[in-house]
PDB file of N, CA and C in Angstrom:
ATOM      1  N   UNK A   1     -90.763  69.064   7.621  1.00  0.00           N
ATOM      2  CA  UNK A   1     -89.630  68.225   7.284  1.00  0.00           C
ATOM      3  C   UNK A   1     -88.817  68.860   6.164  1.00  0.00           C
ATOM      4  N   UNK A   2     -89.505  69.420   5.184  1.00  0.00           N
ATOM      5  CA  UNK A   2     -88.785  70.048   4.063  1.00  0.00           C
ATOM      6  C   UNK A   2     -87.992  71.255   4.534  1.00  0.00           C
ATOM      7  N   UNK A   3     -88.568  72.009   5.467  1.00  0.00           N
ATOM      8  CA  UNK A   3     -87.863  73.177   5.996  1.00  0.00           C
ATOM      9  C   UNK A   3     -86.577  72.739   6.702  1.00  0.00           C
ATOM     10  N   UNK A   4     -86.660  71.657   7.435  1.00  0.00           N
ATOM     11  CA  UNK A   4     -85.494  71.139   8.144  1.00  0.00           C
ATOM     12  C   UNK A   4     -84.389  70.736   7.168  1.00  0.00           C
ATOM     13  N   UNK A   5     -84.745  70.057   6.088  1.00  0.00           N
ATOM     14  CA  UNK A   5     -83.758  69.630   5.094  1.00  0.00           C
ATOM     15  C   UNK A   5     -83.149  70.823   4.381  1.00  0.00           C
ATOM     16  N   UNK A   6     -83.923  71.842   4.086  1.00  0.00           N
ATOM     17  CA  UNK A   6     -83.379  73.053   3.446  1.00  0.00           C
ATOM     18  C   UNK A   6     -82.387  73.742   4.382  1.00  0.00           C
ATOM     19  N   UNK A   7     -82.722  73.773   5.668  1.00  0.00           N
ATOM     20  CA  UNK A   7     -81.844  74.416   6.634  1.00  0.00           C
ATOM     21  C   UNK A   7     -80.502  73.689   6.714  1.00  0.00           C
ATOM     22  N   UNK A   8     -80.520  72.383   6.700  1.00  0.00           N
ATOM     23  CA  UNK A   8     -79.290  71.601   6.744  1.00  0.00           C
ATOM     24  C   UNK A   8     -78.457  71.839   5.488  1.00  0.00           C
ATOM     25  N   UNK A   9     -79.084  71.864   4.322  1.00  0.00           N
ATOM     26  CA  UNK A   9     -78.357  72.074   3.072  1.00  0.00           C
ATOM     27  C   UNK A   9     -77.746  73.463   3.012  1.00  0.00           C
ATOM     28  N   UNK A  10     -78.403  74.470   3.517  1.00  0.00           N
ATOM     29  CA  UNK A  10     -77.877  75.829   3.442  1.00  0.00           C
ATOM     30  C   UNK A  10     -76.706  76.040   4.393  1.00  0.00           C
ATOM     31  N   UNK A  11     -76.628  75.260   5.449  1.00  0.00           N
ATOM     32  CA  UNK A  11     -75.545  75.425   6.410  1.00  0.00           C
ATOM     33  C   UNK A  11     -74.307  74.621   6.054  1.00  0.00           C
ATOM     34  N   UNK A  12     -74.394  73.720   5.131  1.00  0.00           N
ATOM     35  CA  UNK A  12     -73.224  72.908   4.796  1.00  0.00           C
ATOM     36  C   UNK A  12     -72.131  73.749   4.145  1.00  0.00           C
ATOM     37  N   UNK A  13     -72.494  74.719   3.349  1.00  0.00           N
ATOM     38  CA  UNK A  13     -71.507  75.605   2.734  1.00  0.00           C
ATOM     39  C   UNK A  13     -70.828  76.494   3.758  1.00  0.00           C
ATOM     40  N   UNK A  14     -71.571  76.913   4.753  1.00  0.00           N
ATOM     41  CA  UNK A  14     -71.013  77.741   5.809  1.00  0.00           C
ATOM     42  C   UNK A  14     -69.979  76.958   6.608  1.00  0.00           C
ATOM     43  N   UNK A  15     -70.257  75.718   6.928  1.00  0.00           N
ATOM     44  CA  UNK A  15     -69.309  74.895   7.668  1.00  0.00           C
ATOM     45  C   UNK A  15     -68.030  74.665   6.892  1.00  0.00           C
ATOM     46  N   UNK A  16     -68.168  74.471   5.591  1.00  0.00           N
ATOM     47  CA  UNK A  16     -66.978  74.255   4.760  1.00  0.00           C
ATOM     48  C   UNK A  16     -66.121  75.518   4.697  1.00  0.00           C
ATOM     49  N   UNK A  17     -66.750  76.673   4.587  1.00  0.00           N
ATOM     50  CA  UNK A  17     -65.968  77.912   4.525  1.00  0.00           C
ATOM     51  C   UNK A  17     -65.278  78.180   5.856  1.00  0.00           C
ATOM     52  N   UNK A  18     -65.936  77.882   6.978  1.00  0.00           N
ATOM     53  CA  UNK A  18     -65.293  78.039   8.273  1.00  0.00           C
ATOM     54  C   UNK A  18     -64.111  77.082   8.406  1.00  0.00           C
ATOM     55  N   UNK A  19     -64.265  75.889   7.927  1.00  0.00           N
ATOM     56  CA  UNK A  19     -63.182  74.909   7.955  1.00  0.00           C
ATOM     57  C   UNK A  19     -61.995  75.410   7.130  1.00  0.00           C
ATOM     58  N   UNK A  20     -62.252  75.966   5.962  1.00  0.00           N
ATOM     59  CA  UNK A  20     -61.169  76.475   5.113  1.00  0.00           C
ATOM     60  C   UNK A  20     -60.450  77.647   5.769  1.00  0.00           C
ATOM     61  N   UNK A  21     -61.201  78.503   6.453  1.00  0.00           N
ATOM     62  CA  UNK A  21     -60.566  79.625   7.142  1.00  0.00           C
ATOM     63  C   UNK A  21     -59.651  79.120   8.252  1.00  0.00           C
ATOM     64  N   UNK A  22     -60.099  78.133   9.003  1.00  0.00           N
ATOM     65  CA  UNK A  22     -59.275  77.575  10.076  1.00  0.00           C
ATOM     66  C   UNK A  22     -58.020  76.915   9.514  1.00  0.00           C
ATOM     67  N   UNK A  23     -58.166  76.173   8.435  1.00  0.00           N
ATOM     68  CA  UNK A  23     -57.011  75.520   7.809  1.00  0.00           C
ATOM     69  C   UNK A  23     -56.025  76.569   7.293  1.00  0.00           C
ATOM     70  N   UNK A  24     -56.534  77.653   6.717  1.00  0.00           N
ATOM     71  CA  UNK A  24     -55.654  78.713   6.220  1.00  0.00           C
ATOM     72  C   UNK A  24     -54.898  79.376   7.365  1.00  0.00           C
ATOM     73  N   UNK A  25     -55.548  79.629   8.479  1.00  0.00           N
ATOM     74  CA  UNK A  25     -54.870  80.241   9.621  1.00  0.00           C
ATOM     75  C   UNK A  25     -53.807  79.311  10.206  1.00  0.00           C
ATOM     76  N   UNK A  26     -54.087  78.028  10.255  1.00  0.00           N
ATOM     77  CA  UNK A  26     -53.088  77.073  10.746  1.00  0.00           C
ATOM     78  C   UNK A  26     -51.894  77.020   9.798  1.00  0.00           C
ATOM     79  N   UNK A  27     -52.150  77.075   8.499  1.00  0.00           N
ATOM     80  CA  UNK A  27     -51.054  77.068   7.520  1.00  0.00           C
ATOM     81  C   UNK A  27     -50.190  78.316   7.655  1.00  0.00           C
ATOM     82  N   UNK A  28     -50.804  79.471   7.852  1.00  0.00           N
ATOM     83  CA  UNK A  28     -50.044  80.712   8.019  1.00  0.00           C
ATOM     84  C   UNK A  28     -49.206  80.651   9.294  1.00  0.00           C
ATOM     85  N   UNK A  29     -49.782  80.124  10.371  1.00  0.00           N
ATOM     86  CA  UNK A  29     -49.030  79.992  11.616  1.00  0.00           C
ATOM     87  C   UNK A  29     -47.862  79.032  11.457  1.00  0.00           C
ATOM     88  N   UNK A  30     -48.060  77.940  10.756  1.00  0.00           N
ATOM     89  CA  UNK A  30     -46.982  76.967  10.548  1.00  0.00           C
ATOM     90  C   UNK A  30     -45.855  77.569   9.714  1.00  0.00           C
ATOM     91  N   UNK A  31     -46.210  78.324   8.696  1.00  0.00           N
ATOM     92  CA  UNK A  31     -45.187  78.976   7.875  1.00  0.00           C
ATOM     93  C   UNK A  31     -44.399  79.971   8.711  1.00  0.00           C
ATOM     94  N   UNK A  32     -45.085  80.705   9.577  1.00  0.00           N
ATOM     95  CA  UNK A  32     -44.392  81.657  10.449  1.00  0.00           C
ATOM     96  C   UNK A  32     -43.438  80.976  11.406  1.00  0.00           C
ATOM     97  N   UNK A  33     -43.846  79.865  11.988  1.00  0.00           N
ATOM     98  CA  UNK A  33     -42.989  79.139  12.927  1.00  0.00           C
ATOM     99  C   UNK A  33     -41.772  78.581  12.211  1.00  0.00           C
ATOM    100  N   UNK A  34     -41.969  78.020  11.036  1.00  0.00           N
ATOM    101  CA  UNK A  34     -40.837  77.468  10.288  1.00  0.00           C
ATOM    102  C   UNK A  34     -39.886  78.580   9.859  1.00  0.00           C
ATOM    103  N   UNK A  35     -40.417  79.739   9.519  1.00  0.00           N
ATOM    104  CA  UNK A  35     -39.568  80.862   9.126  1.00  0.00           C
ATOM    105  C   UNK A  35     -38.710  81.323  10.301  1.00  0.00           C
ATOM    106  N   UNK A  36     -39.302  81.413  11.473  1.00  0.00           N
ATOM    107  CA  UNK A  36     -38.574  81.927  12.632  1.00  0.00           C
ATOM    108  C   UNK A  36     -37.617  80.883  13.205  1.00  0.00           C
ATOM    109  N   UNK A  37     -38.075  79.643  13.360  1.00  0.00           N
ATOM    110  CA  UNK A  37     -37.285  78.620  14.040  1.00  0.00           C
ATOM    111  C   UNK A  37     -36.724  77.558  13.105  1.00  0.00           C
ATOM    112  N   UNK A  38     -36.779  77.744  11.813  1.00  0.00           N
ATOM    113  CA  UNK A  38     -36.383  76.713  10.859  1.00  0.00           C
ATOM    114  C   UNK A  38     -34.954  76.244  11.003  1.00  0.00           C
ATOM    115  N   UNK A  39     -34.037  77.179  11.148  1.00  0.00           N
ATOM    116  CA  UNK A  39     -32.623  76.820  11.232  1.00  0.00           C
ATOM    117  C   UNK A  39     -32.344  76.018  12.500  1.00  0.00           C
ATOM    118  N   UNK A  40     -32.915  76.460  13.617  1.00  0.00           N
ATOM    119  CA  UNK A  40     -32.710  75.745  14.881  1.00  0.00           C
ATOM    120  C   UNK A  40     -33.288  74.336  14.820  1.00  0.00           C
ATOM    121  N   UNK A  41     -34.451  74.207  14.222  1.00  0.00           N
ATOM    122  CA  UNK A  41     -35.087  72.888  14.113  1.00  0.00           C
ATOM    123  C   UNK A  41     -34.247  71.967  13.236  1.00  0.00           C
ATOM    124  N   UNK A  42     -33.718  72.501  12.125  1.00  0.00           N
ATOM    125  CA  UNK A  42     -32.867  71.682  11.256  1.00  0.00           C
ATOM    126  C   UNK A  42     -31.614  71.222  11.982  1.00  0.00           C
ATOM    127  N   UNK A  43     -31.008  72.101  12.783  1.00  0.00           N
ATOM    128  CA  UNK A  43     -29.810  71.729  13.531  1.00  0.00           C
ATOM    129  C   UNK A  43     -30.120  70.656  14.573  1.00  0.00           C
ATOM    130  N   UNK A  44     -31.260  70.767  15.233  1.00  0.00           N
ATOM    131  CA  UNK A  44     -31.636  69.755  16.214  1.00  0.00           C
ATOM    132  C   UNK A  44     -31.850  68.391  15.556  1.00  0.00           C
ATOM    133  N   UNK A  45     -32.551  68.389  14.433  1.00  0.00           N
ATOM    134  CA  UNK A  45     -32.796  67.125  13.749  1.00  0.00           C
ATOM    135  C   UNK A  45     -31.513  66.544  13.164  1.00  0.00           C
ATOM    136  N   UNK A  46     -30.620  67.372  12.644  1.00  0.00           N
ATOM    137  CA  UNK A  46     -29.382  66.839  12.090  1.00  0.00           C
ATOM    138  C   UNK A  46     -28.497  66.268  13.198  1.00  0.00           C
ATOM    139  N   UNK A  47     -28.471  66.928  14.352  1.00  0.00           N
ATOM    140  CA  UNK A  47     -27.712  66.392  15.479  1.00  0.00           C
ATOM    141  C   UNK A  47     -28.269  65.072  15.967  1.00  0.00           C
ATOM    142  N   UNK A  48     -29.599  64.980  15.983  1.00  0.00           N
ATOM    143  CA  UNK A  48     -30.238  63.744  16.420  1.00  0.00           C
ATOM    144  C   UNK A  48     -29.973  62.613  15.444  1.00  0.00           C
ATOM    145  N   UNK A  49     -30.113  62.889  14.156  1.00  0.00           N
ATOM    146  CA  UNK A  49     -29.871  61.830  13.166  1.00  0.00           C
ATOM    147  C   UNK A  49     -28.413  61.418  13.134  1.00  0.00           C
ATOM    148  N   UNK A  50     -27.506  62.363  13.327  1.00  0.00           N
ATOM    149  CA  UNK A  50     -26.087  62.007  13.370  1.00  0.00           C
ATOM    150  C   UNK A  50     -25.783  61.117  14.564  1.00  0.00           C
ATOM    151  N   UNK A  51     -26.360  61.441  15.720  1.00  0.00           N
ATOM    152  CA  UNK A  51     -26.084  60.614  16.893  1.00  0.00           C
ATOM    153  C   UNK A  51     -26.734  59.243  16.772  1.00  0.00           C
ATOM    154  N   UNK A  52     -27.906  59.157  16.143  1.00  0.00           N
ATOM    155  CA  UNK A  52     -28.530  57.855  15.928  1.00  0.00           C
ATOM    156  C   UNK A  52     -27.748  57.013  14.925  1.00  0.00           C
ATOM    157  N   UNK A  53     -27.075  57.681  13.992  1.00  0.00           N
ATOM    158  CA  UNK A  53     -26.282  56.964  13.006  1.00  0.00           C
ATOM    159  C   UNK A  53     -24.921  56.545  13.565  1.00  0.00           C
ATOM    160  N   UNK A  54     -24.575  57.016  14.756  1.00  0.00           N
ATOM    161  CA  UNK A  54     -23.311  56.634  15.369  1.00  0.00           C
ATOM    162  C   UNK A  54     -22.196  57.611  15.096  1.00  0.00           C
ATOM    163  N   UNK A  55     -22.486  58.708  14.451  1.00  0.00           N
ATOM    164  CA  UNK A  55     -21.460  59.713  14.179  1.00  0.00           C
ATOM    165  C   UNK A  55     -21.276  60.588  15.412  1.00  0.00           C
ATOM    166  N   UNK A  56     -20.023  60.879  15.714  1.00  0.00           N
ATOM    167  CA  UNK A  56     -19.750  61.765  16.836  1.00  0.00           C
ATOM    168  C   UNK A  56     -19.579  63.177  16.300  1.00  0.00           C
ATOM    169  N   UNK A  57     -20.359  64.077  16.842  1.00  0.00           N
ATOM    170  CA  UNK A  57     -20.271  65.473  16.434  1.00  0.00           C
ATOM    171  C   UNK A  57     -19.910  66.313  17.641  1.00  0.00           C
ATOM    172  N   UNK A  58     -19.412  67.489  17.368  1.00  0.00           N
ATOM    173  CA  UNK A  58     -19.076  68.389  18.464  1.00  0.00           C
ATOM    174  C   UNK A  58     -20.342  69.058  18.963  1.00  0.00           C
ATOM    175  N   UNK A  59     -20.401  69.259  20.228  1.00  0.00           N
ATOM    176  CA  UNK A  59     -21.553  69.899  20.844  1.00  0.00           C
ATOM    177  C   UNK A  59     -21.359  71.404  20.761  1.00  0.00           C
ATOM    178  N   UNK A  60     -22.283  72.096  20.133  1.00  0.00           N
ATOM    179  CA  UNK A  60     -22.179  73.544  19.977  1.00  0.00           C
ATOM    180  C   UNK A  60     -22.940  74.289  21.058  1.00  0.00           C
ATOM    181  N   UNK A  61     -23.525  73.566  22.009  1.00  0.00           N
ATOM    182  CA  UNK A  61     -24.276  74.214  23.079  1.00  0.00           C
ATOM    183  C   UNK A  61     -23.317  74.909  24.039  1.00  0.00           C
ATOM    184  N   UNK A  62     -23.739  76.011  24.560  1.00  0.00           N
ATOM    185  CA  UNK A  62     -22.929  76.765  25.503  1.00  0.00           C
ATOM    186  C   UNK A  62     -23.306  76.325  26.911  1.00  0.00           C
ATOM    187  N   UNK A  63     -22.296  75.947  27.674  1.00  0.00           N
ATOM    188  CA  UNK A  63     -22.568  75.513  29.041  1.00  0.00           C
ATOM    189  C   UNK A  63     -22.788  76.723  29.935  1.00  0.00           C
ATOM    190  N   UNK A  64     -23.676  76.567  30.874  1.00  0.00           N
ATOM    191  CA  UNK A  64     -23.948  77.633  31.832  1.00  0.00           C
ATOM    192  C   UNK A  64     -22.868  77.627  32.906  1.00  0.00           C
ATOM    193  N   UNK A  65     -22.514  78.815  33.364  1.00  0.00           N
ATOM    194  CA  UNK A  65     -21.549  78.938  34.446  1.00  0.00           C
ATOM    195  C   UNK A  65     -22.301  78.820  35.767  1.00  0.00           C
ATOM    196  N   UNK A  66     -22.121  77.705  36.444  1.00  0.00           N
ATOM    197  CA  UNK A  66     -22.806  77.460  37.707  1.00  0.00           C
ATOM    198  C   UNK A  66     -21.766  77.494  38.808  1.00  0.00           C
ATOM    199  N   UNK A  67     -22.041  78.310  39.796  1.00  0.00           N
ATOM    200  CA  UNK A  67     -21.116  78.406  40.915  1.00  0.00           C
ATOM    201  C   UNK A  67     -21.508  77.379  41.962  1.00  0.00           C
ATOM    202  N   UNK A  68     -20.497  76.759  42.571  1.00  0.00           N
ATOM    203  CA  UNK A  68     -20.739  75.679  43.516  1.00  0.00           C
ATOM    204  C   UNK A  68     -21.379  76.174  44.807  1.00  0.00           C
ATOM    205  N   UNK A  69     -21.281  77.469  45.102  1.00  0.00           N
ATOM    206  CA  UNK A  69     -21.816  77.974  46.365  1.00  0.00           C
ATOM    207  C   UNK A  69     -23.329  78.100  46.366  1.00  0.00           C
ATOM    208  N   UNK A  70     -23.950  77.976  45.233  1.00  0.00           N
ATOM    209  CA  UNK A  70     -25.409  78.088  45.168  1.00  0.00           C
ATOM    210  C   UNK A  70     -26.050  76.768  45.574  1.00  0.00           C
ATOM    211  N   UNK A  71     -27.127  76.881  46.342  1.00  0.00           N
ATOM    212  CA  UNK A  71     -27.915  75.716  46.722  1.00  0.00           C
ATOM    213  C   UNK A  71     -29.369  76.166  46.838  1.00  0.00           C
ATOM    214  N   UNK A  72     -30.235  75.257  47.190  1.00  0.00           N
ATOM    215  CA  UNK A  72     -31.635  75.620  47.341  1.00  0.00           C
ATOM    216  C   UNK A  72     -31.858  76.556  48.517  1.00  0.00           C
ATOM    217  N   UNK A  73     -30.994  76.484  49.525  1.00  0.00           N
ATOM    218  CA  UNK A  73     -31.139  77.370  50.680  1.00  0.00           C
ATOM    219  C   UNK A  73     -30.757  78.805  50.346  1.00  0.00           C
ATOM    220  N   UNK A  74     -29.807  78.988  49.426  1.00  0.00           N
ATOM    221  CA  UNK A  74     -29.344  80.334  49.066  1.00  0.00           C
ATOM    222  C   UNK A  74     -29.838  80.763  47.698  1.00  0.00           C
ATOM    223  N   UNK A  75     -30.910  80.167  47.231  1.00  0.00           N
ATOM    224  CA  UNK A  75     -31.372  80.412  45.866  1.00  0.00           C
ATOM    225  C   UNK A  75     -31.769  81.866  45.625  1.00  0.00           C
ATOM    226  N   UNK A  76     -32.574  82.457  46.483  1.00  0.00           N
ATOM    227  CA  UNK A  76     -33.082  83.797  46.231  1.00  0.00           C
ATOM    228  C   UNK A  76     -32.236  84.904  46.821  1.00  0.00           C
ATOM    229  N   UNK A  77     -31.083  84.588  47.359  1.00  0.00           N
ATOM    230  CA  UNK A  77     -30.250  85.588  48.033  1.00  0.00           C
ATOM    231  C   UNK A  77     -29.126  86.054  47.118  1.00  0.00           C
ATOM    232  N   UNK A  78     -28.862  87.361  47.163  1.00  0.00           N
ATOM    233  CA  UNK A  78     -27.785  87.944  46.353  1.00  0.00           C
ATOM    234  C   UNK A  78     -26.635  88.307  47.258  1.00  0.00           C
ATOM    235  N   UNK A  79     -25.441  87.884  46.875  1.00  0.00           N
ATOM    236  CA  UNK A  79     -24.245  88.212  47.615  1.00  0.00           C
ATOM    237  C   UNK A  79     -23.394  89.130  46.747  1.00  0.00           C
ATOM    238  N   UNK A  80     -23.210  90.351  47.203  1.00  0.00           N
ATOM    239  CA  UNK A  80     -22.478  91.334  46.419  1.00  0.00           C
ATOM    240  C   UNK A  80     -20.999  90.998  46.314  1.00  0.00           C
ATOM    241  N   UNK A  81     -20.453  90.359  47.328  1.00  0.00           N
ATOM    242  CA  UNK A  81     -19.020  90.046  47.327  1.00  0.00           C
ATOM    243  C   UNK A  81     -18.666  89.047  46.227  1.00  0.00           C
ATOM    244  N   UNK A  82     -19.488  88.046  46.039  1.00  0.00           N
ATOM    245  CA  UNK A  82     -19.181  87.038  45.031  1.00  0.00           C
ATOM    246  C   UNK A  82     -19.886  87.311  43.705  1.00  0.00           C
ATOM    247  N   UNK A  83     -20.850  88.206  43.704  1.00  0.00           N
ATOM    248  CA  UNK A  83     -21.540  88.543  42.456  1.00  0.00           C
ATOM    249  C   UNK A  83     -22.638  87.577  42.074  1.00  0.00           C
ATOM    250  N   UNK A  84     -23.066  86.780  43.041  1.00  0.00           N
ATOM    251  CA  UNK A  84     -24.159  85.860  42.709  1.00  0.00           C
ATOM    252  C   UNK A  84     -25.202  85.831  43.799  1.00  0.00           C
TER     253      UNK A  84
END
């Protein structure tokens, strides 16, 4: 019984250090994501809060050029004459 209790006590420090390593890696990943995508995330949240507040803002998104001749039947086909 004493051996069992000693084994449990010696492993508690190991579990805590593993937990700290995992928390540190998650923190580093979060900092990296915020560094790379921070500006885009701020713009998305500001647009959302402005629209929830009733303010009309201009949409800065770029619309895709979709040609009317495309359909599901002609999806994978390339037509050189029209360029699509």
